Amino acid sequence: MRIRPKRALLVGMTHEFDHARDNFYLQQWSLREGIDVQLAYDGQRVVVDL
């Protein structure tokens, strides 16, 4: 079985990441792989339908 989320938010990262630059690189990767991957940000809220 392979997990294939529609969206992934990366959390618990060091403050040394350049959020805008690294999200740009993740966006390019996301387009190739078909999965929306982004760095999360402090205070971000995520709506979850159960």
Protein backbone atom coordinates (compact mmCIF):
# COMPACT_ATOMS: atom_id res chain seq x y z
CA MET A 1 0.00 0.00 0.00
CA ARG A 2 1.26 3.47 -0.86
CA ILE A 3 0.06 6.64 0.85
CA ARG A 4 -0.64 9.39 -1.66
CA PRO A 5 -2.01 12.52 0.04
CA LYS A 6 -3.53 15.38 -1.94
CA ARG A 7 -1.71 17.89 0.25
CA ALA A 8 1.17 17.76 2.72
CA LEU A 9 2.32 20.47 5.12
CA LEU A 10 5.83 20.09 6.50
CA VAL A 11 6.08 21.05 10.18
CA GLY A 12 8.77 21.13 12.86
CA MET A 13 11.40 22.67 10.60
CA THR A 14 14.33 24.79 11.74
CA HIS A 15 14.08 28.59 11.53
CA GLU A 16 17.01 28.55 9.09
CA PHE A 17 14.78 27.70 6.12
CA ASP A 18 13.98 30.51 3.70
CA HIS A 19 10.22 30.01 3.65
CA ALA A 20 9.51 31.72 0.31
CA ARG A 21 12.51 30.21 -1.52
CA ASP A 22 11.98 26.68 -0.22
CA ASN A 23 8.23 26.76 -0.88
CA PHE A 24 9.11 27.77 -4.46
CA TYR A 25 11.32 24.66 -4.80
CA LEU A 26 8.61 22.53 -3.20
CA GLN A 27 6.08 23.93 -5.67
CA GLN A 28 8.27 22.82 -8.59
CA TRP A 29 8.59 19.34 -7.04
CA SER A 30 4.83 19.27 -6.39
CA LEU A 31 4.06 19.91 -10.05
CA ARG A 32 6.25 16.97 -11.08
CA GLU A 33 4.92 14.57 -8.43
CA GLY A 34 1.26 15.64 -8.36
CA ILE A 35 1.19 16.23 -4.59
CA ASP A 36 0.80 19.71 -3.07
CA VAL A 37 3.70 19.98 -0.58
CA GLN A 38 4.43 23.19 1.34
CA LEU A 39 6.22 24.36 4.45
CA ALA A 40 3.67 25.13 7.16
CA TYR A 41 3.88 28.41 9.04
CA ASP A 42 3.41 29.37 12.68
CA GLY A 43 -0.25 29.73 13.61
CA GLN A 44 -1.49 28.01 10.46
CA ARG A 45 -4.92 26.40 10.77
CA VAL A 46 -6.02 23.47 8.68
CA VAL A 47 -9.65 22.52 8.08
CA VAL A 48 -10.19 18.76 8.20
CA ASP A 49 -13.37 17.05 6.99
CA LEU A 50 -13.96 13.78 8.81
